[in-house]
Amino acid sequence: MRILIIDRDPLSIKLMSSKLGQAGHEVVCDDSKQRAVKLAAEQYFDCVFVDPTPLNDVRPVVLEIWRGLKKDQHRPYMVLLAKEAEREAAIGRGCNDVLLKPLDAKALETVVGNAARLNYYYSVFQQDVGDYFPENAIGVLGQKAFEQLFLASVDRGFRYGERNCVMFIRVKNFEEILKSGGEKAAKEALDKLGEKISWIRRQSDVVGHICPDTFGILMQRPIYETEVYDAFSRFQEKTKEFVATLPEKHRPEVHLSVVELPYGAILCDDGDTRFSKLANE
């Protein structure tokens, strides 16, 4: 990832840039907020770390970076650097997360991993769906419609402190089905899975087809602590039962994960280790 660090603390900059550089990231540092904001408008960054000192409020810096973004460019993952700060307060000021000083290497790794994951999903929405939209799945939104709801959920986290989660349901062997059975088999697998997902979902959940091999389910404003985990377990059970009824020749292998917004942290995952590598890409 391309990472911008805005900080007046030379020791903090040295530690962060060293750790991030060793992990393979491209790091740019600046101790001037004015210069850094200008730089963020001229160049693309996946993630921005900012310590607002001597200011107490990070929001003016965040807003200036947002205003400088090009049309259709998604917002970089913003991280507040501070000696004392609550995550909820940081999000309310426009940041995705907070990283406390003195810096902890493990906490830095976690935040960068979450940033990489959220940026990955932004990129997923740019993939061409082609002719693979599941036409027979009633109630499944198209890619662009679901993308707008996804972005709105991130934004509502900043504005109102809302906790939203997205479950991603991916056909891991989609390319294999396409190669062995052709477009007809691939479309049929997506059609059947989309129809089943639409049936399993709760009334308040919004389902979308976000790229050829992946569906998304927006679980808005969960009320109780275990609600998301309960939903994940139910989907895991029901999809396994459903997949087992399909012909083995072109049977989809389904992977489920739940990501919390606007952090980008994984709450649930059924064992796919693909995301563990994202922090270093």
Protein backbone atom coordinates (compact mmCIF):
# COMPACT_ATOMS: atom_id res chain seq x y z
CA MET A 1 0.00 0.00 0.00
CA ARG A 2 0.96 3.65 -0.37
CA ILE A 3 0.91 5.20 3.10
CA LEU A 4 1.16 8.86 4.16
CA ILE A 5 2.28 9.74 7.70
CA ILE A 6 1.54 13.25 8.98
CA ASP A 7 3.38 13.75 12.26
CA ARG A 8 5.71 16.27 13.91
CA ASP A 9 7.32 13.64 16.11
CA PRO A 10 10.57 12.49 14.41
CA LEU A 11 10.85 9.37 16.59
CA SER A 12 7.31 8.31 15.75
CA ILE A 13 7.92 8.87 12.04
CA LYS A 14 11.17 6.89 12.17
CA LEU A 15 9.57 3.92 13.95
CA MET A 16 6.47 3.80 11.75
CA SER A 17 8.26 4.30 8.43
CA SER A 18 10.80 1.62 9.37
CA LYS A 19 8.15 -0.97 10.32
CA LEU A 20 5.95 -0.21 7.33
CA GLY A 21 8.87 -0.12 4.92
CA GLN A 22 10.09 -3.51 6.15
CA ALA A 23 6.60 -4.88 5.49
CA GLY A 24 6.85 -3.77 1.86
CA HIS A 25 4.73 -0.62 1.93
CA GLU A 26 5.63 2.62 0.17
CA VAL A 27 5.78 5.29 2.88
CA VAL A 28 5.75 9.09 2.54
CA CYS A 29 6.23 11.28 5.63
CA ASP A 30 5.63 14.98 6.26
CA ASP A 31 5.64 17.04 9.45
CA SER A 32 3.58 19.83 7.87
CA LYS A 33 -0.20 19.34 7.70
CA GLN A 34 -0.51 21.96 4.97
CA ARG A 35 2.06 20.27 2.75
CA ALA A 36 0.66 16.82 3.50
CA VAL A 37 -2.90 17.83 2.59
CA LYS A 38 -1.61 19.23 -0.70
CA LEU A 39 0.35 16.03 -1.30
CA ALA A 40 -2.74 13.90 -0.62
CA ALA A 41 -4.62 15.88 -3.28
CA GLU A 42 -1.84 15.39 -5.84
CA GLN A 43 -1.04 11.73 -5.20
CA TYR A 44 -2.97 8.58 -4.35
CA PHE A 45 -2.65 7.07 -0.86
CA ASP A 46 -4.36 3.95 0.46
CA CYS A 47 -3.87 4.90 4.09
CA VAL A 48 -3.11 8.11 6.00
CA PHE A 49 -1.83 8.31 9.58
CA VAL A 50 -2.25 11.76 11.13
CA ASP A 51 -1.29 13.28 14.47
CA PRO A 52 -3.09 16.66 14.66
CA THR A 53 -0.74 18.07 17.36
CA PRO A 54 -0.63 20.97 18.26
CA LEU A 55 -4.31 20.94 17.28
CA ASN A 56 -6.67 18.97 19.48
CA ASP A 57 -9.06 18.08 16.68
CA VAL A 58 -8.12 15.89 13.71
CA ARG A 59 -11.32 16.62 11.79
CA PRO A 60 -10.08 19.76 9.95
CA VAL A 61 -7.19 17.74 8.49
CA VAL A 62 -9.49 14.86 7.55
CA LEU A 63 -11.97 17.18 5.84
CA GLU A 64 -9.23 18.93 3.87
CA ILE A 65 -7.97 15.57 2.59
CA TRP A 66 -11.50 14.51 1.66
CA ARG A 67 -12.11 17.77 -0.21
CA GLY A 68 -8.94 17.28 -2.24
CA LEU A 69 -9.90 13.85 -3.55
CA LYS A 70 -10.58 13.42 -7.24
CA LYS A 71 -14.04 12.54 -8.51
CA ASP A 72 -14.96 8.90 -7.82
CA GLN A 73 -11.79 8.38 -5.77
CA HIS A 74 -12.59 6.54 -2.56
CA ARG A 75 -11.43 8.00 0.74
CA PRO A 76 -8.12 6.72 2.07
CA TYR A 77 -8.18 4.77 5.32
CA MET A 78 -7.61 7.44 7.99
CA VAL A 79 -5.89 6.64 11.29
CA LEU A 80 -5.67 9.06 14.21
CA LEU A 81 -2.32 9.04 16.02
CA ALA A 82 -2.66 10.14 19.65
CA LYS A 83 -1.41 9.48 23.17
CA GLU A 84 -4.99 9.25 24.41
CA ALA A 85 -8.10 8.73 22.28
CA GLU A 86 -11.14 6.52 22.14
CA ARG A 87 -11.86 4.66 18.92
CA GLU A 88 -15.47 5.91 18.82
CA ALA A 89 -14.32 9.51 19.20
CA ALA A 90 -11.76 9.09 16.40
CA ILE A 91 -14.41 7.64 14.08
CA GLY A 92 -16.73 10.51 14.89
CA ARG A 93 -14.01 12.87 13.66
CA GLY A 94 -13.73 11.10 10.30
CA CYS A 95 -11.07 8.46 11.03
CA ASN A 96 -11.46 4.74 10.46
CA ASP A 97 -9.47 3.87 13.58
CA VAL A 98 -6.99 5.12 16.18
CA LEU A 99 -3.41 4.10 16.95
CA LEU A 100 -2.09 5.07 20.36
CA LYS A 101 1.37 6.37 21.18
CA PRO A 102 3.88 5.11 22.16
CA LEU A 103 3.51 2.87 19.14
CA ASP A 104 2.93 -0.84 19.53
CA ALA A 105 4.16 -2.93 16.59
CA LYS A 106 1.31 -5.44 16.85
CA ALA A 107 -1.34 -2.70 16.98
CA LEU A 108 0.26 -1.06 13.93
CA GLU A 109 0.16 -4.36 12.05
CA THR A 110 -3.52 -4.85 12.92
CA VAL A 111 -4.53 -1.36 11.79
CA VAL A 112 -2.60 -1.67 8.53
CA GLY A 113 -4.19 -5.07 7.91
CA ASN A 114 -7.65 -3.60 8.40
CA ALA A 115 -6.78 -0.73 6.04
CA ALA A 116 -5.57 -3.17 3.38
CA ARG A 117 -8.73 -5.25 3.73
CA LEU A 118 -11.09 -2.29 3.36
CA ASN A 119 -9.11 -1.00 0.37
CA TYR A 120 -9.31 -4.46 -1.17
CA TYR A 121 -13.10 -4.39 -0.98
CA TYR A 122 -13.17 -0.92 -2.53
CA SER A 123 -11.27 -2.43 -5.47
CA VAL A 124 -13.64 -5.43 -5.68
CA PHE A 125 -16.45 -3.06 -6.62
CA GLN A 126 -14.42 -1.99 -9.67
CA GLN A 127 -14.38 -5.48 -11.17
CA ASP A 128 -16.49 -6.06 -14.24
CA VAL A 129 -19.52 -8.21 -13.39
CA GLY A 130 -20.08 -8.94 -17.07
CA ASP A 131 -23.03 -11.24 -17.77
CA TYR A 132 -22.83 -13.06 -14.45
CA PHE A 133 -25.50 -11.15 -12.53
CA PRO A 134 -27.89 -13.75 -10.97
CA GLU A 135 -31.07 -12.75 -12.79
CA ASN A 136 -33.31 -15.29 -11.06
CA ALA A 137 -32.30 -14.26 -7.54
CA ILE A 138 -35.12 -12.00 -6.38
CA GLY A 139 -34.10 -9.07 -4.20
CA VAL A 140 -30.38 -9.10 -5.06
CA LEU A 141 -29.04 -5.64 -5.88
CA GLY A 142 -26.59 -4.98 -8.68
CA GLN A 143 -22.97 -4.02 -8.10
CA LYS A 144 -23.27 -0.22 -8.24
CA ALA A 145 -26.40 -0.05 -6.11
CA PHE A 146 -24.81 -2.19 -3.41
CA GLU A 147 -21.55 -0.22 -3.62
CA GLN A 148 -23.45 2.98 -2.80
CA LEU A 149 -24.98 1.33 0.27
CA PHE A 150 -21.54 0.03 1.29
CA LEU A 151 -20.00 3.51 1.04
CA ALA A 152 -23.00 5.05 2.80
CA SER A 153 -22.53 2.60 5.68
CA VAL A 154 -18.90 3.65 6.05
CA ASP A 155 -19.98 7.29 5.98
CA ARG A 156 -22.71 6.73 8.57
CA GLY A 157 -20.04 5.33 10.87
CA PHE A 158 -18.22 8.67 10.64
CA ARG A 159 -21.36 10.79 10.98
CA TYR A 160 -23.44 8.93 13.52
CA GLY A 161 -21.15 6.32 15.02
CA GLU A 162 -23.24 3.52 13.48
CA ARG A 163 -21.85 0.02 13.59
CA ASN A 164 -22.54 -1.81 10.33
CA CYS A 165 -21.25 -5.15 9.12
CA VAL A 166 -20.99 -6.76 5.70
CA MET A 167 -20.94 -10.49 5.13
CA PHE A 168 -19.08 -11.52 1.99
CA ILE A 169 -20.04 -14.83 0.39
CA ARG A 170 -17.48 -15.88 -2.21
CA VAL A 171 -17.45 -18.83 -4.60
CA LYS A 172 -13.82 -19.88 -4.23
CA ASN A 173 -13.85 -22.23 -7.20
CA PHE A 174 -15.73 -19.91 -9.57
CA GLU A 175 -12.91 -19.92 -12.15
CA GLU A 176 -12.71 -23.71 -12.02
CA ILE A 177 -16.46 -24.01 -12.65
CA LEU A 178 -16.14 -21.54 -15.52
CA LYS A 179 -13.29 -23.49 -17.11
CA SER A 180 -14.80 -26.93 -16.67
CA GLY A 181 -18.48 -26.15 -17.30
CA GLY A 182 -18.40 -22.90 -19.25
CA GLU A 183 -20.46 -19.76 -18.73
CA LYS A 184 -23.72 -21.67 -18.46
CA ALA A 185 -22.53 -23.70 -15.45
CA ALA A 186 -20.99 -20.62 -13.79
CA LYS A 187 -24.17 -18.58 -14.22
CA GLU A 188 -26.31 -21.44 -12.96
CA ALA A 189 -24.17 -21.81 -9.82
CA LEU A 190 -24.42 -18.07 -9.11
CA ASP A 191 -28.15 -18.05 -9.83
CA LYS A 192 -28.86 -20.87 -7.40
CA LEU A 193 -26.59 -19.46 -4.69
CA GLY A 194 -28.02 -15.95 -5.07
CA GLU A 195 -31.55 -17.29 -4.81
CA LYS A 196 -30.66 -19.23 -1.66
CA ILE A 197 -28.91 -16.25 -0.05
CA SER A 198 -31.91 -14.05 -0.72
CA TRP A 199 -34.12 -16.64 0.97
CA ILE A 200 -31.85 -17.10 4.02
CA ARG A 201 -31.31 -13.41 4.73
CA ARG A 202 -33.25 -11.55 7.39
CA GLN A 203 -35.81 -8.99 6.28
CA SER A 204 -33.53 -6.13 7.31
CA ASP A 205 -30.48 -7.46 5.43
CA VAL A 206 -29.60 -6.09 1.99
CA VAL A 207 -28.07 -8.51 -0.54
CA GLY A 208 -25.95 -7.46 -3.49
CA HIS A 209 -23.83 -9.09 -6.21
CA ILE A 210 -20.57 -7.17 -6.05
CA CYS A 211 -18.28 -9.04 -8.47
CA PRO A 212 -18.53 -12.24 -10.55
CA ASP A 213 -17.69 -14.60 -7.69
CA THR A 214 -18.89 -12.65 -4.63
CA PHE A 215 -22.15 -11.62 -2.96
CA GLY A 216 -22.39 -9.12 -0.12
CA ILE A 217 -24.95 -8.89 2.66
CA LEU A 218 -25.22 -5.58 4.51
CA MET A 219 -26.25 -6.20 8.11
CA GLN A 220 -27.25 -2.75 9.28
CA ARG A 221 -27.07 -1.54 12.87
CA PRO A 222 -26.89 -4.84 14.79
CA ILE A 223 -28.62 -4.38 18.14
CA TYR A 224 -27.21 -7.04 20.46
CA GLU A 225 -23.61 -8.20 20.83
CA THR A 226 -23.95 -11.68 19.35
CA GLU A 227 -26.33 -10.78 16.52
CA VAL A 228 -23.67 -10.78 13.79
CA TYR A 229 -22.13 -14.04 15.02
CA ASP A 230 -25.55 -15.69 15.17
CA ALA A 231 -26.27 -14.57 11.60
CA PHE A 232 -22.88 -15.83 10.41
CA SER A 233 -23.44 -19.26 11.99
CA ARG A 234 -26.90 -19.50 10.44
CA PHE A 235 -25.62 -18.60 6.98
CA GLN A 236 -22.69 -20.99 7.34
CA GLU A 237 -25.02 -23.84 8.26
CA LYS A 238 -27.66 -23.11 5.61
CA THR A 239 -25.20 -22.59 2.75
CA LYS A 240 -23.41 -25.85 3.58
CA GLU A 241 -26.72 -27.71 3.57
CA PHE A 242 -27.69 -26.09 0.27
CA VAL A 243 -24.35 -26.69 -1.50
CA ALA A 244 -24.48 -30.36 -0.50
CA THR A 245 -27.69 -30.75 -2.54
CA LEU A 246 -26.07 -29.53 -5.79
CA PRO A 247 -24.48 -31.82 -8.40
CA GLU A 248 -20.88 -32.53 -7.42
CA LYS A 249 -19.52 -31.82 -10.89
CA HIS A 250 -20.00 -28.04 -10.66
CA ARG A 251 -20.60 -27.65 -6.93
CA PRO A 252 -19.54 -24.22 -5.61
CA GLU A 253 -17.10 -24.01 -2.71
CA VAL A 254 -18.37 -21.17 -0.57
CA HIS A 255 -16.32 -18.97 1.76
CA LEU A 256 -17.97 -16.61 4.28
CA SER A 257 -16.47 -13.69 6.18
CA VAL A 258 -17.89 -10.71 8.05
CA VAL A 259 -16.17 -7.32 8.02
CA GLU A 260 -17.03 -4.52 10.43
CA LEU A 261 -17.34 -0.97 9.11
CA PRO A 262 -15.70 1.51 9.15
CA TYR A 263 -12.73 -0.35 10.74
CA GLY A 264 -12.31 -3.04 8.09
CA ALA A 265 -11.72 -5.63 10.82
CA ILE A 266 -12.83 -9.25 10.29
CA LEU A 267 -15.34 -10.38 12.89
CA CYS A 268 -16.00 -13.86 11.48
CA ASP A 269 -14.24 -16.02 8.93
CA ASP A 270 -14.72 -19.65 8.01
CA GLY A 271 -11.06 -20.47 7.60
CA ASP A 272 -9.87 -18.86 4.36
CA THR A 273 -6.39 -17.43 5.05
CA ARG A 274 -6.34 -15.18 1.98
CA PHE A 275 -6.83 -12.02 4.05
CA SER A 276 -3.89 -12.65 6.37
CA LYS A 277 -1.60 -11.65 3.47
CA LEU A 278 -3.32 -8.36 2.65
CA ALA A 279 -1.46 -6.31 5.24
CA ASN A 280 1.79 -6.82 3.34
CA GLU A 281 0.49 -6.10 -0.15
